[in-house]
């Protein structure tokens, strides 16, 4: 059985790969932060899917926080006109 949140997280990581490389040319630190946050979304979703109880909810909250960081990094890159 497929897990949609995991699949969408993987899609996000794939979609951001070329964007991250464009950002890296102008701001390596922001690109690294974006890469690590987007990977963390995927990893936290995968971990949460195998957990139970409060721990499961906490892992999903962590994934949500990392997704917010991804969004902020993309917005920062747009504001700086890197992309």
C-alpha atoms as a PDB file:
ATOM      1  CA  UNK A   1       0.000   0.000   0.000  1.00  0.00           C
ATOM      2  CA  UNK A   2       1.420   3.360  -1.061  1.00  0.00           C
ATOM      3  CA  UNK A   3       1.743   6.178   1.421  1.00  0.00           C
ATOM      4  CA  UNK A   4       0.775   9.443  -0.277  1.00  0.00           C
ATOM      5  CA  UNK A   5       2.639  11.802   2.074  1.00  0.00           C
ATOM      6  CA  UNK A   6       5.869   9.912   1.430  1.00  0.00           C
ATOM      7  CA  UNK A   7       5.323   9.945  -2.331  1.00  0.00           C
ATOM      8  CA  UNK A   8       4.602  13.706  -2.325  1.00  0.00           C
ATOM      9  CA  UNK A   9       7.682  14.340  -0.159  1.00  0.00           C
ATOM     10  CA  UNK A  10       9.800  12.454  -2.665  1.00  0.00           C
ATOM     11  CA  UNK A  11       8.217  14.447  -5.512  1.00  0.00           C
ATOM     12  CA  UNK A  12       9.099  17.647  -3.639  1.00  0.00           C
ATOM     13  CA  UNK A  13      12.713  16.574  -3.272  1.00  0.00           C
ATOM     14  CA  UNK A  14      12.951  15.751  -6.977  1.00  0.00           C
ATOM     15  CA  UNK A  15      11.288  19.023  -8.029  1.00  0.00           C
ATOM     16  CA  UNK A  16      13.598  21.089  -5.846  1.00  0.00           C
ATOM     17  CA  UNK A  17      16.838  19.516  -7.110  1.00  0.00           C
ATOM     18  CA  UNK A  18      17.295  21.829 -10.127  1.00  0.00           C
ATOM     19  CA  UNK A  19      16.065  24.844  -8.156  1.00  0.00           C
ATOM     20  CA  UNK A  20      18.547  24.094  -5.397  1.00  0.00           C
ATOM     21  CA  UNK A  21      21.385  24.009  -7.937  1.00  0.00           C
ATOM     22  CA  UNK A  22      20.351  27.420  -9.303  1.00  0.00           C
ATOM     23  CA  UNK A  23      20.315  28.815  -5.781  1.00  0.00           C
ATOM     24  CA  UNK A  24      23.711  27.229  -5.017  1.00  0.00           C
ATOM     25  CA  UNK A  25      25.308  29.325  -7.767  1.00  0.00           C
ATOM     26  CA  UNK A  26      24.341  32.471  -5.829  1.00  0.00           C
ATOM     27  CA  UNK A  27      24.052  31.357  -2.199  1.00  0.00           C
ATOM     28  CA  UNK A  28      25.569  28.028  -1.174  1.00  0.00           C
ATOM     29  CA  UNK A  29      24.345  28.342   2.421  1.00  0.00           C
ATOM     30  CA  UNK A  30      20.707  28.823   1.451  1.00  0.00           C
ATOM     31  CA  UNK A  31      20.943  25.985  -1.063  1.00  0.00           C
ATOM     32  CA  UNK A  32      22.347  23.677   1.607  1.00  0.00           C
ATOM     33  CA  UNK A  33      19.604  24.643   4.054  1.00  0.00           C
ATOM     34  CA  UNK A  34      16.944  24.022   1.399  1.00  0.00           C
ATOM     35  CA  UNK A  35      18.444  20.635   0.514  1.00  0.00           C
ATOM     36  CA  UNK A  36      18.687  19.512   4.143  1.00  0.00           C
ATOM     37  CA  UNK A  37      15.162  20.687   5.010  1.00  0.00           C
ATOM     38  CA  UNK A  38      13.597  19.007   1.977  1.00  0.00           C
ATOM     39  CA  UNK A  39      15.424  15.768   2.750  1.00  0.00           C
ATOM     40  CA  UNK A  40      14.283  16.005   6.354  1.00  0.00           C
ATOM     41  CA  UNK A  41      10.643  16.245   5.261  1.00  0.00           C
ATOM     42  CA  UNK A  42      10.993  12.940   3.427  1.00  0.00           C
ATOM     43  CA  UNK A  43      12.910  11.233   6.232  1.00  0.00           C
ATOM     44  CA  UNK A  44      10.521  12.377   8.976  1.00  0.00           C
ATOM     45  CA  UNK A  45       7.474  11.268   6.977  1.00  0.00           C
ATOM     46  CA  UNK A  46       9.057   7.849   6.411  1.00  0.00           C
ATOM     47  CA  UNK A  47       9.899   7.503  10.087  1.00  0.00           C
ATOM     48  CA  UNK A  48       6.470   8.683  11.222  1.00  0.00           C
ATOM     49  CA  UNK A  49       4.774   6.144   9.002  1.00  0.00           C
ATOM     50  CA  UNK A  50       6.395   3.336  11.016  1.00  0.00           C
ATOM     51  CA  UNK A  51       5.709   4.795  14.461  1.00  0.00           C
ATOM     52  CA  UNK A  52       2.648   4.617  16.694  1.00  0.00           C
ATOM     53  CA  UNK A  53       0.978   6.881  19.220  1.00  0.00           C
ATOM     54  CA  UNK A  54       2.338  10.272  20.235  1.00  0.00           C
ATOM     55  CA  UNK A  55       5.714   9.549  18.699  1.00  0.00           C
ATOM     56  CA  UNK A  56       4.052   9.174  15.288  1.00  0.00           C
ATOM     57  CA  UNK A  57       2.293  12.519  15.621  1.00  0.00           C
ATOM     58  CA  UNK A  58       5.524  14.161  16.745  1.00  0.00           C
ATOM     59  CA  UNK A  59       7.427  12.892  13.669  1.00  0.00           C
ATOM     60  CA  UNK A  60       4.672  14.251  11.418  1.00  0.00           C
ATOM     61  CA  UNK A  61       4.890  17.609  13.246  1.00  0.00           C
ATOM     62  CA  UNK A  62       8.634  17.624  12.608  1.00  0.00           C
ATOM     63  CA  UNK A  63       8.003  16.954   8.919  1.00  0.00           C
ATOM     64  CA  UNK A  64       5.523  19.817   8.842  1.00  0.00           C
ATOM     65  CA  UNK A  65       8.052  22.142  10.448  1.00  0.00           C
ATOM     66  CA  UNK A  66      10.676  21.153   7.900  1.00  0.00           C
ATOM     67  CA  UNK A  67       8.178  21.727   5.089  1.00  0.00           C
ATOM     68  CA  UNK A  68       7.628  25.255   6.428  1.00  0.00           C
ATOM     69  CA  UNK A  69      11.398  25.745   6.344  1.00  0.00           C
ATOM     70  CA  UNK A  70      11.480  24.577   2.717  1.00  0.00           C
ATOM     71  CA  UNK A  71       8.789  27.086   1.864  1.00  0.00           C
ATOM     72  CA  UNK A  72      10.649  29.899   3.618  1.00  0.00           C
ATOM     73  CA  UNK A  73      13.906  29.021   1.849  1.00  0.00           C
ATOM     74  CA  UNK A  74      12.195  29.096  -1.539  1.00  0.00           C
ATOM     75  CA  UNK A  75      10.559  32.421  -0.669  1.00  0.00           C
ATOM     76  CA  UNK A  76      13.951  33.797   0.415  1.00  0.00           C
ATOM     77  CA  UNK A  77      15.480  32.701  -2.893  1.00  0.00           C
ATOM     78  CA  UNK A  78      12.679  34.376  -4.803  1.00  0.00           C
ATOM     79  CA  UNK A  79      13.002  37.566  -2.751  1.00  0.00           C
ATOM     80  CA  UNK A  80      16.762  37.622  -3.407  1.00  0.00           C
ATOM     81  CA  UNK A  81      16.045  37.002  -7.112  1.00  0.00           C
ATOM     82  CA  UNK A  82      18.110  33.823  -7.194  1.00  0.00           C
ATOM     83  CA  UNK A  83      15.223  32.090  -8.992  1.00  0.00           C
END
